[in-house]
C-alpha atoms as a PDB file:
ATOM      1  CA  GLY A   1     -11.819  -4.494 -13.884  1.00  0.00           C
ATOM      2  CA  ARG A   2      -9.787  -1.875 -12.557  1.00  0.00           C
ATOM      3  CA  ILE A   3     -11.592   0.700 -14.611  1.00  0.00           C
ATOM      4  CA  TYR A   4     -14.995  -0.081 -13.380  1.00  0.00           C
ATOM      5  CA  THR A   5     -13.460  -0.083  -9.586  1.00  0.00           C
ATOM      6  CA  ALA A   6     -11.999   3.309 -10.334  1.00  0.00           C
ATOM      7  CA  GLN A   7     -15.327   4.812 -11.630  1.00  0.00           C
ATOM      8  CA  ILE A   8     -17.227   3.255  -8.881  1.00  0.00           C
ATOM      9  CA  MET A   9     -14.786   4.766  -6.357  1.00  0.00           C
ATOM     10  CA  LEU A  10     -15.262   8.314  -8.243  1.00  0.00           C
ATOM     11  CA  SER A  11     -18.968   7.965  -8.351  1.00  0.00           C
ATOM     12  CA  ILE A  12     -19.395   7.351  -4.639  1.00  0.00           C
ATOM     13  CA  ASN A  13     -16.664   9.850  -3.313  1.00  0.00           C
ATOM     14  CA  SER A  14     -18.576  12.453  -5.574  1.00  0.00           C
ATOM     15  CA  HIS A  15     -22.202  11.042  -4.012  1.00  0.00           C
ATOM     16  CA  ASP A  16     -23.369  10.284  -7.636  1.00  0.00           C
ATOM     17  CA  LEU A  17     -25.032   6.892  -6.196  1.00  0.00           C
ATOM     18  CA  GLU A  18     -26.523   6.504  -9.958  1.00  0.00           C
ATOM     19  CA  ALA A  19     -23.567   6.359 -11.574  1.00  0.00           C
ATOM     20  CA  ALA A  20     -21.701   4.271  -8.955  1.00  0.00           C
ATOM     21  CA  GLN A  21     -24.656   1.454  -9.274  1.00  0.00           C
ATOM     22  CA  GLN A  22     -24.441   1.840 -13.041  1.00  0.00           C
ATOM     23  CA  TRP A  23     -20.785   1.038 -13.246  1.00  0.00           C
ATOM     24  CA  SER A  24     -21.289  -1.513 -10.933  1.00  0.00           C
ATOM     25  CA  ASP A  25     -24.027  -3.267 -13.019  1.00  0.00           C
ATOM     26  CA  ARG A  26     -21.860  -2.687 -16.385  1.00  0.00           C
ATOM     27  CA  SER A  27     -18.960  -4.624 -14.619  1.00  0.00           C
ATOM     28  CA  GLN A  28     -21.301  -7.604 -14.424  1.00  0.00           C
ATOM     29  CA  PRO A  29     -20.600 -10.717 -14.842  1.00  0.00           C
ATOM     30  CA  LEU A  30     -18.091 -11.302 -12.058  1.00  0.00           C
ATOM     31  CA  PRO A  31     -15.467 -13.375 -13.781  1.00  0.00           C
ATOM     32  CA  SER A  32     -12.965 -12.737 -11.038  1.00  0.00           C
ATOM     33  CA  LYS A  33     -12.499 -12.374  -7.164  1.00  0.00           C
ATOM     34  CA  HIS A  34     -10.780  -9.113  -7.478  1.00  0.00           C
ATOM     35  CA  LEU A  35     -11.271  -7.962  -3.709  1.00  0.00           C
ATOM     36  CA  PRO A  36     -11.263  -4.110  -4.154  1.00  0.00           C
ATOM     37  CA  HIS A  37     -13.548  -3.993  -6.855  1.00  0.00           C
ATOM     38  CA  LEU A  38     -16.017  -6.377  -5.234  1.00  0.00           C
ATOM     39  CA  ALA A  39     -16.020  -4.217  -2.250  1.00  0.00           C
ATOM     40  CA  VAL A  40     -16.595  -1.196  -3.721  1.00  0.00           C
ATOM     41  CA  MET A  41     -19.619  -2.532  -5.871  1.00  0.00           C
ATOM     42  CA  MET A  42     -21.091  -4.104  -2.924  1.00  0.00           C
ATOM     43  CA  THR A  43     -20.585  -0.451  -1.017  1.00  0.00           C
ATOM     44  CA  ALA A  44     -22.409   1.118  -4.354  1.00  0.00           C
ATOM     45  CA  TYR A  45     -25.075  -1.333  -4.072  1.00  0.00           C
ATOM     46  CA  ARG A  46     -25.675  -0.625  -0.278  1.00  0.00           C
ATOM     47  CA  LEU A  47     -25.748   2.991  -0.810  1.00  0.00           C
ATOM     48  CA  ALA A  48     -28.161   2.881  -3.736  1.00  0.00           C
ATOM     49  CA  GLY A  49     -30.615   0.523  -1.449  1.00  0.00           C
ATOM     50  CA  ARG A  50     -29.976  -2.502  -3.815  1.00  0.00           C
ATOM     51  CA  ASP A  51     -29.345  -4.873  -0.719  1.00  0.00           C
ATOM     52  CA  GLU A  52     -30.430  -8.330  -3.045  1.00  0.00           C
ATOM     53  CA  ASP A  53     -27.233  -6.995  -5.273  1.00  0.00           C
ATOM     54  CA  GLY A  54     -25.116  -6.140  -2.026  1.00  0.00           C
ATOM     55  CA  ARG A  55     -25.770  -9.739  -0.514  1.00  0.00           C
ATOM     56  CA  THR A  56     -24.953 -11.311  -3.914  1.00  0.00           C
ATOM     57  CA  VAL A  57     -21.480  -9.245  -3.988  1.00  0.00           C
ATOM     58  CA  ALA A  58     -20.914  -9.871  -0.119  1.00  0.00           C
ATOM     59  CA  GLU A  59     -21.264 -13.976  -0.955  1.00  0.00           C
ATOM     60  CA  LEU A  60     -18.491 -13.500  -3.543  1.00  0.00           C
ATOM     61  CA  ILE A  61     -16.550 -11.649  -1.089  1.00  0.00           C
ATOM     62  CA  ARG A  62     -17.292 -14.456   1.874  1.00  0.00           C
ATOM     63  CA  GLU A  63     -16.005 -17.120  -0.421  1.00  0.00           C
ATOM     64  CA  THR A  64     -12.852 -15.248  -1.071  1.00  0.00           C
ATOM     65  CA  ARG A  65     -11.819 -14.385   2.508  1.00  0.00           C
ATOM     66  CA  THR A  66     -12.888 -14.407   6.276  1.00  0.00           C
ATOM     67  CA  PRO A  67     -14.653 -11.766   7.728  1.00  0.00           C
ATOM     68  CA  ARG A  68     -12.546  -8.835   9.031  1.00  0.00           C
ATOM     69  CA  SER A  69     -12.757  -6.435  11.981  1.00  0.00           C
ATOM     70  CA  ALA A  70     -14.316  -2.989  11.233  1.00  0.00           C
ATOM     71  CA  GLU A  71     -11.089  -1.558  12.674  1.00  0.00           C
ATOM     72  CA  ARG A  72      -8.833  -3.689  10.093  1.00  0.00           C
ATOM     73  CA  LEU A  73     -10.953  -2.822   7.374  1.00  0.00           C
ATOM     74  CA  GLN A  74     -10.355   0.992   8.377  1.00  0.00           C
ATOM     75  CA  ARG A  75      -6.680   0.423   8.409  1.00  0.00           C
ATOM     76  CA  SER A  76      -6.282  -2.001   5.209  1.00  0.00           C
ATOM     77  CA  ASN A  77      -8.505   1.199   3.317  1.00  0.00           C
ATOM     78  CA  TYR A  78      -6.291   3.762   4.475  1.00  0.00           C
ATOM     79  CA  LYS A  79      -5.969   5.223   0.921  1.00  0.00           C
ATOM     80  CA  LEU A  80      -9.329   5.782   0.433  1.00  0.00           C
ATOM     81  CA  ASP A  81     -11.382   9.235   1.333  1.00  0.00           C
ATOM     82  CA  ASP A  82     -13.298   9.148   4.367  1.00  0.00           C
ATOM     83  CA  THR A  83     -16.219   9.268   2.813  1.00  0.00           C
ATOM     84  CA  LEU A  84     -15.689   6.296   0.855  1.00  0.00           C
ATOM     85  CA  ARG A  85     -13.727   4.091   3.608  1.00  0.00           C
ATOM     86  CA  ASP A  86     -16.551   4.689   5.981  1.00  0.00           C
ATOM     87  CA  ALA A  87     -18.939   3.720   3.746  1.00  0.00           C
ATOM     88  CA  VAL A  88     -16.935   0.336   2.276  1.00  0.00           C
ATOM     89  CA  VAL A  89     -16.602  -0.334   6.179  1.00  0.00           C
ATOM     90  CA  GLU A  90     -20.376   0.105   6.921  1.00  0.00           C
ATOM     91  CA  ALA A  91     -21.124  -1.729   4.061  1.00  0.00           C
ATOM     92  CA  HIS A  92     -19.135  -4.688   5.278  1.00  0.00           C
ATOM     93  CA  MET A  93     -20.810  -4.441   8.502  1.00  0.00           C
ATOM     94  CA  ALA A  94     -24.145  -4.605   7.303  1.00  0.00           C
ATOM     95  CA  TYR A  95     -23.697  -7.719   4.919  1.00  0.00           C
ATOM     96  CA  GLY A  96     -21.635  -9.855   7.815  1.00  0.00           C
ATOM     97  CA  LEU A  97     -18.269  -9.364   6.645  1.00  0.00           C
ATOM     98  CA  ALA A  98     -16.896  -7.216   9.323  1.00  0.00           C
END
């Protein structure tokens, strides 16, 4: 799962949304609830306009943890590049997780 997570993050950072959603698709089915992976998958789907897939992943995140504030998401993702961090926070907000 971590290889997929890294590939999705790299693709989003380089603005290659096609690759980001392809890596997200390759990581299916979702056997685990690894939150960082789920967050970048959800973000890739959101950026690609695949809201149904994004909502599906958001439901998995919701089952794993309670929603967090946008500020807390910003702080907890401090290691991410600004573009990716902002996209992750926006996706969480769009799907009611922040």
